[in-house]
Amino acid sequence: MGIVELLGLAGSVSLISGWRLYLTVFVTGMAMRLEWISLPENLQVLDAFANPWVLAISAFGAFAEFFADKILWLDSIWDTVHTAIRPLGGALLALAVVDASDPVWQVVVFLVGGGAALMSHGAKAGARALVNTSPEPVSNAVVSTGEDIAAGGLLFLAFANPVVALIIASLLLVLCLTLVYKGYRLWRKMVSSGN
């Protein structure tokens, strides 16, 4: 893989981990185990993603997240608990994909991967908090199922065509930034009207 493909894959898995961390860890670990992607020599420690224990725990986590995300308000509690976990997972996933032999680039990749995961997590958690205020009970499950399909499809695309995944990851990052900004403006408006 060239640098563009690696960046596309790293950016995509980092962003997706902000939505579905356990699914992303499981798929990335399986990709490493099946040798769809190979780790650079200096980052062999990250082959832990392909460890059977990590695969089993991430599969269990993905299963639990699938159901927790469908239940009104439990999804927001789940997101709150994972606010620190998802960005760290996104940062580690980015490190596992990009061959950054220079320690400076390792730090850059770690920060960018974690930042991308935090941004997509913030957009997801904020959007889901708004969906939870809907009076009808079906919208939460519909939105969650859409996220499941999007995450699975984007993961498949990231491994099949990383250049297209880089374009989509860039668009998703812009969308996440927009959602976070609009959520912040809405929050400020609500706070200022309450005073």
Protein backbone atom coordinates (compact mmCIF):
# COMPACT_ATOMS: atom_id res chain seq x y z
CA MET A 1 0.00 0.00 0.00
CA GLY A 2 1.16 3.50 -0.82
CA ILE A 3 1.00 6.47 1.53
CA VAL A 4 -2.37 7.67 0.18
CA GLU A 5 -3.92 4.24 0.69
CA LEU A 6 -2.46 3.96 4.20
CA LEU A 7 -3.73 7.42 5.12
CA GLY A 8 -7.15 6.56 3.71
CA LEU A 9 -7.28 3.36 5.71
CA ALA A 10 -5.98 5.01 8.91
CA GLY A 11 -8.34 7.96 8.58
CA SER A 12 -11.32 5.75 7.86
CA VAL A 13 -10.81 3.31 10.71
CA SER A 14 -10.15 6.20 13.11
CA LEU A 15 -13.37 7.96 12.15
CA ILE A 16 -15.41 4.77 12.23
CA SER A 17 -14.03 3.88 15.66
CA GLY A 18 -15.75 7.01 16.96
CA TRP A 19 -19.05 5.33 16.01
CA ARG A 20 -18.36 1.64 16.45
CA LEU A 21 -15.03 1.05 18.20
CA TYR A 22 -15.43 -2.64 18.96
CA LEU A 23 -16.57 -3.52 15.46
CA THR A 24 -13.64 -1.55 14.04
CA VAL A 25 -11.11 -3.24 16.34
CA PHE A 26 -12.55 -6.64 15.46
CA VAL A 27 -12.47 -6.04 11.69
CA THR A 28 -8.97 -4.50 11.82
CA GLY A 29 -7.70 -7.40 13.95
CA MET A 30 -9.19 -9.89 11.51
CA ALA A 31 -7.61 -7.99 8.61
CA MET A 32 -4.23 -8.26 10.34
CA ARG A 33 -4.78 -11.93 11.21
CA LEU A 34 -5.78 -12.73 7.63
CA GLU A 35 -2.85 -10.57 6.40
CA TRP A 36 -5.01 -8.08 4.48
CA ILE A 37 -2.81 -5.45 6.10
CA SER A 38 0.65 -5.99 7.54
CA LEU A 39 2.29 -4.16 10.40
CA PRO A 40 5.56 -2.33 9.90
CA GLU A 41 8.55 -3.77 11.78
CA ASN A 42 8.71 -0.89 14.27
CA LEU A 43 5.06 -1.31 15.32
CA GLN A 44 4.87 -5.09 15.73
CA VAL A 45 3.61 -4.54 19.27
CA LEU A 46 0.26 -3.54 17.72
CA ASP A 47 -0.19 -7.07 16.39
CA ALA A 48 -2.16 -7.44 19.61
CA PHE A 49 -5.19 -6.46 17.51
CA ALA A 50 -4.94 -9.88 15.84
CA ASN A 51 -4.64 -11.76 19.14
CA PRO A 52 -7.50 -14.27 19.63
CA TRP A 53 -8.34 -12.75 23.04
CA VAL A 54 -8.59 -9.26 21.59
CA LEU A 55 -10.68 -10.58 18.71
CA ALA A 56 -13.02 -12.38 21.12
CA ILE A 57 -13.38 -9.38 23.46
CA SER A 58 -13.91 -6.96 20.58
CA ALA A 59 -16.51 -9.31 19.06
CA PHE A 60 -18.32 -9.43 22.42
CA GLY A 61 -18.05 -5.62 22.71
CA ALA A 62 -19.45 -5.19 19.19
CA PHE A 63 -22.35 -7.48 20.08
CA ALA A 64 -23.06 -5.56 23.31
CA GLU A 65 -22.73 -2.21 21.55
CA PHE A 66 -25.13 -3.32 18.82
CA PHE A 67 -27.90 -3.85 21.38
CA ALA A 68 -27.01 -1.07 23.83
CA ASP A 69 -27.15 1.41 20.98
CA LYS A 70 -30.74 0.50 20.13
CA ILE A 71 -32.19 1.26 23.57
CA LEU A 72 -33.35 4.79 24.27
CA TRP A 73 -31.05 6.61 26.70
CA LEU A 74 -28.87 3.54 27.25
CA ASP A 75 -27.14 4.57 24.03
CA SER A 76 -26.30 7.97 25.55
CA ILE A 77 -24.96 6.34 28.71
CA TRP A 78 -22.89 3.98 26.54
CA ASP A 79 -21.56 6.95 24.56
CA THR A 80 -20.67 8.83 27.76
CA VAL A 81 -18.71 5.87 29.11
CA HIS A 82 -16.88 5.53 25.79
CA THR A 83 -15.92 9.21 25.43
CA ALA A 84 -12.37 8.44 26.57
CA ILE A 85 -12.18 4.93 25.13
CA ARG A 86 -13.12 5.59 21.48
CA PRO A 87 -10.53 8.35 20.80
CA LEU A 88 -7.78 6.21 22.31
CA GLY A 89 -8.93 3.26 20.21
CA GLY A 90 -8.98 5.43 17.08
CA ALA A 91 -5.45 6.64 17.82
CA LEU A 92 -4.16 3.09 18.29
CA LEU A 93 -5.90 1.91 15.14
CA ALA A 94 -4.27 4.71 13.14
CA LEU A 95 -0.88 3.69 14.54
CA ALA A 96 -1.54 0.07 13.63
CA VAL A 97 -2.15 1.00 9.99
CA VAL A 98 0.42 3.72 9.19
CA ASP A 99 4.12 2.87 8.93
CA ALA A 100 5.51 5.80 10.88
CA SER A 101 9.10 4.84 11.68
CA ASP A 102 9.91 8.39 12.74
CA PRO A 103 8.73 9.03 16.34
CA VAL A 104 7.48 12.48 15.34
CA TRP A 105 5.17 10.93 12.74
CA GLN A 106 4.05 8.32 15.25
CA VAL A 107 2.91 11.12 17.56
CA VAL A 108 1.24 12.96 14.64
CA VAL A 109 -0.61 9.82 13.50
CA PHE A 110 -1.64 9.04 17.10
CA LEU A 111 -3.01 12.57 17.64
CA VAL A 112 -4.76 12.79 14.26
CA GLY A 113 -6.30 9.32 14.68
CA GLY A 114 -7.47 10.13 18.20
CA GLY A 115 -8.78 13.53 17.11
CA ALA A 116 -10.72 12.02 14.22
CA ALA A 117 -12.27 9.41 16.52
CA LEU A 118 -13.12 12.06 19.12
CA MET A 119 -14.73 14.27 16.47
CA SER A 120 -16.88 11.48 15.03
CA HIS A 121 -17.76 10.28 18.54
CA GLY A 122 -18.82 13.80 19.52
CA ALA A 123 -20.97 14.15 16.42
CA LYS A 124 -22.56 10.72 16.98
CA ALA A 125 -23.19 11.26 20.69
CA GLY A 126 -24.64 14.72 20.11
CA ALA A 127 -26.89 13.57 17.28
CA ARG A 128 -28.10 10.60 19.31
CA ALA A 129 -28.87 12.83 22.30
CA LEU A 130 -31.11 14.88 19.99
CA VAL A 131 -32.75 11.74 18.59
CA ASN A 132 -33.47 10.60 22.17
CA THR A 133 -35.69 13.65 22.67
CA SER A 134 -38.02 12.44 19.92
CA PRO A 135 -41.40 11.38 21.36
CA GLU A 136 -41.72 8.26 19.22
CA PRO A 137 -39.66 5.18 20.16
CA VAL A 138 -38.67 3.96 16.68
CA SER A 139 -36.24 6.72 15.61
CA ASN A 140 -33.49 5.57 17.99
CA ALA A 141 -33.41 2.04 16.55
CA VAL A 142 -33.62 3.36 12.98
CA VAL A 143 -30.71 5.77 13.46
CA SER A 144 -28.66 3.09 15.24
CA THR A 145 -29.29 0.57 12.47
CA GLY A 146 -28.26 3.19 9.90
CA GLU A 147 -25.02 3.74 11.84
CA ASP A 148 -24.41 -0.04 11.90
CA ILE A 149 -24.87 -0.29 8.14
CA ALA A 150 -22.73 2.79 7.46
CA ALA A 151 -19.93 1.61 9.77
CA GLY A 152 -19.87 -1.90 8.27
CA GLY A 153 -20.00 -0.56 4.71
CA LEU A 154 -17.27 1.99 5.33
CA LEU A 155 -15.04 -0.61 6.99
CA PHE A 156 -15.44 -2.88 3.99
CA LEU A 157 -14.70 0.05 1.67
CA ALA A 158 -11.67 1.10 3.73
CA PHE A 159 -10.03 -2.29 3.24
CA ALA A 160 -11.22 -2.75 -0.35
CA ASN A 161 -10.45 0.74 -1.72
CA PRO A 162 -8.55 2.98 0.71
CA VAL A 163 -8.35 5.94 -1.72
CA VAL A 164 -12.13 6.18 -1.99
CA ALA A 165 -12.26 5.62 1.77
CA LEU A 166 -9.93 8.62 2.24
CA ILE A 167 -12.31 10.81 0.24
CA ILE A 168 -15.30 9.58 2.21
CA ALA A 169 -13.39 9.93 5.51
CA SER A 170 -12.57 13.53 4.61
CA LEU A 171 -16.21 14.26 3.83
CA LEU A 172 -17.27 12.59 7.07
CA LEU A 173 -14.76 14.67 9.01
CA VAL A 174 -16.22 17.85 7.53
CA LEU A 175 -19.72 16.59 8.40
CA CYS A 176 -18.62 15.78 11.97
CA LEU A 177 -17.04 19.21 12.39
CA THR A 178 -20.23 20.82 11.11
CA LEU A 179 -22.42 18.78 13.47
CA VAL A 180 -20.21 19.53 16.46
CA TYR A 181 -20.24 23.24 15.61
CA LYS A 182 -24.02 23.32 15.17
CA GLY A 183 -24.47 21.40 18.42
CA TYR A 184 -22.24 23.88 20.22
CA ARG A 185 -24.23 26.81 18.80
CA LEU A 186 -27.50 25.19 19.84
CA TRP A 187 -26.13 24.54 23.33
CA ARG A 188 -24.95 28.16 23.67
CA LYS A 189 -28.34 29.40 22.49
CA MET A 190 -30.10 27.21 25.05
CA VAL A 191 -27.76 28.32 27.85
CA SER A 192 -28.10 32.01 26.99
CA SER A 193 -31.90 31.80 26.79
CA GLY A 194 -31.98 30.12 30.20
CA ASN A 195 -30.21 33.03 31.93
